[in-house]
Amino acid sequence: MAKPRRKTKKQSNNNIPTQLLVGVGVFAVVIISLLWSLQNATEENTDEQHIPISSEKELFQAGSFSIVEALPHDKEAFTQGLLVHDGVLYESTGLYGRSTLRILDRNTGKVKKSTSIDDKLFGEGIVAVNDTLIMLTWKEKVALIFQQLTLDKISEFPFSTTRDEGWGITSNGEVLIISDGSANLHIWDIHTMKEIRVVEVVSQGVPVKGLNELEYIPEEDVVMANIWYSEFIISINYKTGEVVQSDDMSPLRKGMKTRNDKEDVLNGIAYDVNTGDFYFTGKLWTTLFRARRRRK
């Protein structure tokens, strides 16, 4: 049998009241619980936010946009259309004998997959409809339909516009919206591809000609457009034709680390509804820019 332990003098002279011990214990439990809750909340918040976009370093500003990344871009690509759909970045390029439809790597800007179109056709803007991509052609008055992931051509259909040309195309999910280099937006039925109406785009009462690449922005319910031979991108109320915003994107050229002596106009707007990322480039540009809209 173990002998009972005898109290030492030091122990007997430092007895702590039971009430005080209980109070200290309760206080310790409260503190530990509070610290655990704060740590858990921080971890959950980190999981939800992943890597906050606000932590990305702004390279420079262009209009109402913060440019956060500059990716390499094929300097031989005569960009006519740019599009993000279901997380995939697509590009259409023009020129006779060189027109293509491509899938780009969003992390490197490199071409992952490409298909060429008939040498007699000049490729223009693209839009996603269901599981297909529609590509306009410039003067041939025909639109091509491709399967999205394989880029295999499925069919084609004829179309006409004010100038009988195809330039840019986008969609709000209910209609297709087409430009032809004039000041008009042509609104098509998304099911029949037939024209419903024509909307003239005006800024302070003056028609805005040269409407080129188009991109629909659902949060703002506007269509953004490149203007041929202009460094500006405008935002359009496509129902009334009124220009509601104009962004000077000229800093993009200055932001390119390398230049192409053949580089052409600013042309190419893509928007990812899931991430809020915008992509901008131009015909024969060496750089594809990723950007975020700076909120007021």
Protein backbone atom coordinates (compact mmCIF):
# COMPACT_ATOMS: atom_id res chain seq x y z
CA MET A 1 0.00 0.00 0.00
CA ALA A 2 1.29 3.42 -0.90
CA LYS A 3 1.90 5.75 1.99
CA PRO A 4 -0.07 9.01 2.08
CA ARG A 5 2.03 11.96 0.94
CA ARG A 6 2.89 14.40 3.80
CA LYS A 7 2.37 18.09 3.27
CA THR A 8 5.51 20.16 3.26
CA LYS A 9 5.79 23.47 5.02
CA LYS A 10 5.84 25.30 1.71
CA GLN A 11 2.61 23.62 0.62
CA SER A 12 0.79 24.23 3.84
CA ASN A 13 1.63 27.92 3.88
CA ASN A 14 0.32 28.59 0.32
CA ASN A 15 -3.15 27.11 0.27
CA ILE A 16 -5.32 28.83 -2.41
CA PRO A 17 -9.03 29.36 -1.67
CA THR A 18 -11.29 27.01 -3.63
CA GLN A 19 -13.43 29.91 -4.93
CA LEU A 20 -10.38 31.59 -6.46
CA LEU A 21 -9.29 28.38 -8.17
CA VAL A 22 -12.75 27.93 -9.65
CA GLY A 23 -12.80 31.54 -10.85
CA VAL A 24 -9.41 31.25 -12.54
CA GLY A 25 -10.47 28.01 -14.20
CA VAL A 26 -13.64 29.51 -15.62
CA PHE A 27 -11.74 32.54 -16.88
CA ALA A 28 -9.16 30.32 -18.60
CA VAL A 29 -11.89 28.31 -20.31
CA VAL A 30 -13.53 31.50 -21.60
CA ILE A 31 -10.24 32.83 -22.98
CA ILE A 32 -9.38 29.53 -24.69
CA SER A 33 -12.87 29.33 -26.24
CA LEU A 34 -12.63 32.90 -27.51
CA LEU A 35 -9.21 32.32 -29.09
CA TRP A 36 -10.41 29.09 -30.73
CA SER A 37 -13.46 30.89 -32.18
CA LEU A 38 -11.34 33.70 -33.61
CA GLN A 39 -8.89 31.25 -35.19
CA ASN A 40 -11.71 29.18 -36.68
CA ALA A 41 -13.43 32.26 -38.10
CA THR A 42 -10.17 33.39 -39.70
CA GLU A 43 -9.65 29.99 -41.31
CA GLU A 44 -13.20 29.92 -42.68
CA ASN A 45 -12.84 33.43 -44.06
CA THR A 46 -9.56 32.48 -45.74
CA ASP A 47 -11.19 29.44 -47.34
CA GLU A 48 -14.05 31.49 -48.73
CA GLN A 49 -11.85 34.24 -50.14
CA HIS A 50 -9.05 31.93 -51.34
CA ILE A 51 -6.62 34.55 -52.69
CA PRO A 52 -8.42 37.91 -52.60
CA ILE A 53 -8.17 39.72 -55.92
CA SER A 54 -7.49 42.93 -53.97
CA SER A 55 -4.12 41.45 -52.98
CA GLU A 56 -2.99 41.45 -56.61
CA LYS A 57 -0.50 44.16 -57.42
CA GLU A 58 -1.76 46.78 -59.83
CA LEU A 59 0.67 47.21 -62.69
CA PHE A 60 -0.94 50.41 -63.94
CA GLN A 61 -4.33 51.96 -64.65
CA ALA A 62 -6.19 52.34 -67.93
CA GLY A 63 -9.49 54.18 -67.85
CA SER A 64 -11.60 52.71 -65.07
CA PHE A 65 -9.52 49.51 -65.02
CA SER A 66 -6.65 48.24 -62.90
CA ILE A 67 -4.27 46.20 -65.03
CA VAL A 68 -3.07 43.30 -62.87
CA GLU A 69 -1.30 41.01 -65.33
CA ALA A 70 0.47 41.22 -68.68
CA LEU A 71 0.59 37.91 -70.56
CA PRO A 72 2.39 37.08 -73.81
CA HIS A 73 0.20 37.24 -76.93
CA ASP A 74 0.87 35.82 -80.39
CA LYS A 75 2.18 38.82 -82.35
CA GLU A 76 0.94 37.21 -85.57
CA ALA A 77 -2.66 37.07 -84.30
CA PHE A 78 -4.85 39.64 -86.03
CA THR A 79 -7.35 39.62 -83.16
CA GLN A 80 -10.99 40.03 -84.14
CA GLY A 81 -12.80 38.49 -81.19
CA LEU A 82 -11.99 37.62 -77.56
CA LEU A 83 -14.27 35.64 -75.26
CA VAL A 84 -14.33 33.83 -71.90
CA HIS A 85 -17.01 31.16 -71.61
CA ASP A 86 -17.23 28.49 -68.89
CA GLY A 87 -13.71 29.40 -67.82
CA VAL A 88 -12.22 28.95 -71.30
CA LEU A 89 -10.52 31.83 -73.13
CA TYR A 90 -11.25 31.90 -76.87
CA GLU A 91 -9.82 34.14 -79.58
CA SER A 92 -10.74 34.58 -83.24
CA THR A 93 -8.27 36.03 -85.72
CA GLY A 94 -8.68 37.52 -89.17
CA LEU A 95 -6.98 38.14 -92.53
CA TYR A 96 -7.50 36.03 -95.63
CA GLY A 97 -5.55 32.80 -95.50
CA ARG A 98 -4.71 33.33 -91.80
CA SER A 99 -8.07 33.36 -89.98
CA THR A 100 -8.34 31.01 -87.00
CA LEU A 101 -10.41 30.10 -83.96
CA ARG A 102 -8.30 29.40 -80.87
CA ILE A 103 -8.32 28.38 -77.24
CA LEU A 104 -5.74 30.26 -75.17
CA ASP A 105 -4.10 29.28 -71.89
CA ARG A 106 -5.29 31.85 -69.37
CA ASN A 107 -2.12 31.48 -67.30
CA THR A 108 0.45 31.81 -70.08
CA GLY A 109 -1.39 33.38 -73.03
CA LYS A 110 -0.15 30.56 -75.26
CA VAL A 111 -2.35 28.89 -77.89
CA LYS A 112 -3.62 25.53 -76.59
CA LYS A 113 -5.76 24.60 -79.58
CA SER A 114 -6.42 26.20 -82.96
CA THR A 115 -8.43 25.56 -86.08
CA SER A 116 -8.14 27.39 -89.40
CA ILE A 117 -11.09 28.47 -91.50
CA ASP A 118 -11.44 28.57 -95.29
CA ASP A 119 -8.75 30.75 -96.89
CA LYS A 120 -11.48 32.62 -98.77
CA LEU A 121 -13.05 33.79 -95.49
CA PHE A 122 -11.93 36.63 -93.23
CA GLY A 123 -12.69 35.72 -89.60
CA GLU A 124 -14.31 38.25 -87.29
CA GLY A 125 -15.96 38.33 -83.82
CA ILE A 126 -17.16 35.32 -81.81
CA VAL A 127 -19.89 34.56 -79.28
CA ALA A 128 -20.92 31.46 -77.29
CA VAL A 129 -24.44 30.10 -77.73
CA ASN A 130 -25.25 26.94 -75.78
CA ASP A 131 -22.38 24.53 -76.54
CA THR A 132 -21.37 26.24 -79.77
CA LEU A 133 -19.34 29.23 -80.92
CA ILE A 134 -20.56 31.52 -83.68
CA MET A 135 -17.95 33.36 -85.74
CA LEU A 136 -18.82 36.18 -88.10
CA THR A 137 -16.97 36.79 -91.35
CA TRP A 138 -16.11 40.21 -92.72
CA LYS A 139 -17.54 40.61 -96.22
CA GLU A 140 -18.67 37.10 -97.03
CA LYS A 141 -22.06 37.53 -95.31
CA VAL A 142 -21.84 34.12 -93.67
CA ALA A 143 -21.49 33.10 -90.02
CA LEU A 144 -19.76 29.87 -89.00
CA ILE A 145 -20.83 27.60 -86.13
CA PHE A 146 -18.26 25.54 -84.19
CA GLN A 147 -18.36 23.06 -81.34
CA GLN A 148 -16.83 24.81 -78.34
CA LEU A 149 -14.21 22.41 -76.99
CA THR A 150 -13.17 20.63 -80.18
CA LEU A 151 -13.45 23.73 -82.41
CA ASP A 152 -14.91 21.49 -85.12
CA LYS A 153 -17.05 23.34 -87.63
CA ILE A 154 -20.70 22.25 -87.47
CA SER A 155 -22.54 24.47 -89.94
CA GLU A 156 -23.00 28.01 -91.21
CA PHE A 157 -25.76 30.47 -92.03
CA PRO A 158 -26.12 33.67 -94.09
CA PHE A 159 -26.65 37.12 -92.56
CA SER A 160 -26.88 40.76 -93.56
CA THR A 161 -26.29 44.07 -91.78
CA THR A 162 -26.32 47.78 -92.59
CA ARG A 163 -23.03 47.46 -94.48
CA ASP A 164 -23.40 43.73 -95.23
CA GLU A 165 -20.33 43.12 -93.09
CA GLY A 166 -19.66 41.31 -89.82
CA TRP A 167 -17.36 42.84 -87.18
CA GLY A 168 -18.23 42.16 -83.53
CA ILE A 169 -20.79 39.93 -81.85
CA THR A 170 -21.95 39.32 -78.26
CA SER A 171 -25.04 38.18 -76.37
CA ASN A 172 -27.00 38.89 -73.21
CA GLY A 173 -28.34 35.35 -73.28
CA GLU A 174 -31.60 36.39 -74.90
CA VAL A 175 -30.50 38.10 -78.12
CA LEU A 176 -27.37 38.40 -80.23
CA ILE A 177 -25.87 41.87 -80.69
CA ILE A 178 -23.80 42.54 -83.82
CA SER A 179 -21.64 45.40 -85.11
CA ASP A 180 -20.57 46.03 -88.70
CA GLY A 181 -18.28 49.05 -88.48
CA SER A 182 -21.17 51.50 -88.70
CA ALA A 183 -22.86 53.27 -85.78
CA ASN A 184 -25.53 50.55 -85.61
CA LEU A 185 -26.01 47.56 -83.36
CA HIS A 186 -28.02 44.80 -85.03
CA ILE A 187 -30.17 42.78 -82.64
CA TRP A 188 -30.84 39.17 -83.70
CA ASP A 189 -33.14 36.52 -82.32
CA ILE A 190 -30.82 34.03 -80.60
CA HIS A 191 -32.83 31.05 -81.86
CA THR A 192 -33.54 31.99 -85.46
CA MET A 193 -30.55 34.31 -86.08
CA LYS A 194 -32.99 36.72 -87.71
CA GLU A 195 -32.79 40.47 -87.15
CA ILE A 196 -35.28 41.92 -84.68
CA ARG A 197 -34.28 45.58 -84.72
CA VAL A 198 -31.40 48.02 -85.29
CA VAL A 199 -30.18 50.43 -82.61
CA GLU A 200 -28.06 53.46 -83.50
CA VAL A 201 -25.28 54.21 -80.99
CA VAL A 202 -24.92 57.89 -80.11
CA SER A 203 -22.82 59.96 -77.74
CA GLN A 204 -24.40 63.29 -76.84
CA GLY A 205 -26.57 62.99 -79.92
CA VAL A 206 -23.70 62.22 -82.31
CA PRO A 207 -23.56 58.76 -83.98
CA VAL A 208 -20.52 56.71 -82.99
CA LYS A 209 -19.18 55.02 -86.11
CA GLY A 210 -16.58 52.27 -86.28
CA LEU A 211 -18.14 49.95 -83.67
CA ASN A 212 -15.90 46.91 -83.60
CA GLU A 213 -15.39 44.10 -81.04
CA LEU A 214 -18.25 43.75 -78.53
CA GLU A 215 -18.64 42.30 -75.03
CA TYR A 216 -21.77 42.13 -72.88
CA ILE A 217 -21.29 42.94 -69.16
CA PRO A 218 -24.25 41.46 -67.21
CA GLU A 219 -23.67 43.29 -63.91
CA GLU A 220 -24.01 46.62 -65.70
CA ASP A 221 -26.35 45.43 -68.48
CA VAL A 222 -24.22 47.24 -71.05
CA VAL A 223 -22.27 46.31 -74.17
CA MET A 224 -18.64 47.37 -74.23
CA ALA A 225 -17.21 48.14 -77.66
CA ASN A 226 -13.87 48.84 -79.27
CA ILE A 227 -13.92 51.72 -81.74
CA TRP A 228 -11.94 51.13 -84.91
CA TYR A 229 -8.71 53.16 -84.88
CA SER A 230 -9.45 54.51 -81.43
CA GLU A 231 -7.79 53.94 -78.05
CA PHE A 232 -11.19 54.24 -76.35
CA ILE A 233 -13.58 51.54 -75.19
CA ILE A 234 -17.18 52.68 -74.75
CA SER A 235 -20.02 51.19 -72.70
CA ILE A 236 -23.39 51.25 -74.45
CA ASN A 237 -26.97 50.99 -73.28
CA TYR A 238 -27.79 48.60 -76.11
CA LYS A 239 -31.54 49.13 -75.64
CA THR A 240 -31.41 52.89 -76.29
CA GLY A 241 -28.05 53.24 -78.04
CA GLU A 242 -26.75 55.81 -75.55
CA VAL A 243 -23.06 55.73 -74.63
CA VAL A 244 -22.97 55.66 -70.83
CA GLN A 245 -19.19 55.52 -70.29
CA SER A 246 -15.97 56.01 -72.21
CA ASP A 247 -12.57 54.65 -71.12
CA ASP A 248 -9.24 55.84 -72.45
CA MET A 249 -7.22 52.64 -72.82
CA SER A 250 -4.12 54.24 -74.38
CA PRO A 251 -1.95 53.23 -71.37
CA LEU A 252 -2.17 49.63 -72.61
CA ARG A 253 0.27 50.32 -75.45
CA LYS A 254 2.73 51.88 -73.01
CA GLY A 255 2.33 48.85 -70.75
CA MET A 256 3.63 46.39 -73.34
CA LYS A 257 7.17 45.24 -72.49
CA THR A 258 7.88 44.39 -76.11
CA ARG A 259 6.43 45.99 -79.22
CA ASN A 260 5.63 44.72 -82.69
CA ASP A 261 6.45 47.06 -85.56
CA LYS A 262 3.38 45.66 -87.33
CA GLU A 263 1.01 46.11 -84.40
CA ASP A 264 -2.42 47.43 -85.27
CA VAL A 265 -5.43 48.77 -83.39
CA LEU A 266 -6.73 47.99 -79.92
CA ASN A 267 -9.28 45.21 -80.46
CA GLY A 268 -10.35 42.46 -78.10
CA ILE A 269 -12.52 42.55 -74.97
CA ALA A 270 -13.36 39.50 -72.88
CA TYR A 271 -15.10 39.32 -69.51
CA ASP A 272 -15.28 36.38 -67.08
CA VAL A 273 -18.56 36.55 -65.15
CA ASN A 274 -17.25 34.09 -62.56
CA THR A 275 -14.06 35.92 -61.58
CA GLY A 276 -14.69 39.51 -62.65
CA ASP A 277 -11.57 39.43 -64.82
CA PHE A 278 -11.39 41.45 -68.04
CA TYR A 279 -8.97 40.67 -70.87
CA PHE A 280 -7.76 43.22 -73.43
CA THR A 281 -5.48 42.99 -76.44
CA GLY A 282 -5.13 44.25 -80.00
CA LYS A 283 -4.43 43.15 -83.55
CA LEU A 284 -0.85 41.84 -83.80
CA TRP A 285 -0.14 42.87 -80.20
CA THR A 286 2.55 41.13 -78.18
CA THR A 287 0.60 41.38 -74.92
CA LEU A 288 -2.71 40.15 -73.51
CA PHE A 289 -3.73 42.16 -70.44
CA ARG A 290 -5.83 40.93 -67.51
CA ALA A 291 -7.66 43.64 -65.61
CA ARG A 292 -10.22 44.43 -62.92
CA ARG A 293 -12.80 47.20 -63.00
CA ARG A 294 -12.03 49.89 -60.41
CA ARG A 295 -15.27 50.59 -58.56
CA LYS A 296 -16.11 54.15 -57.60
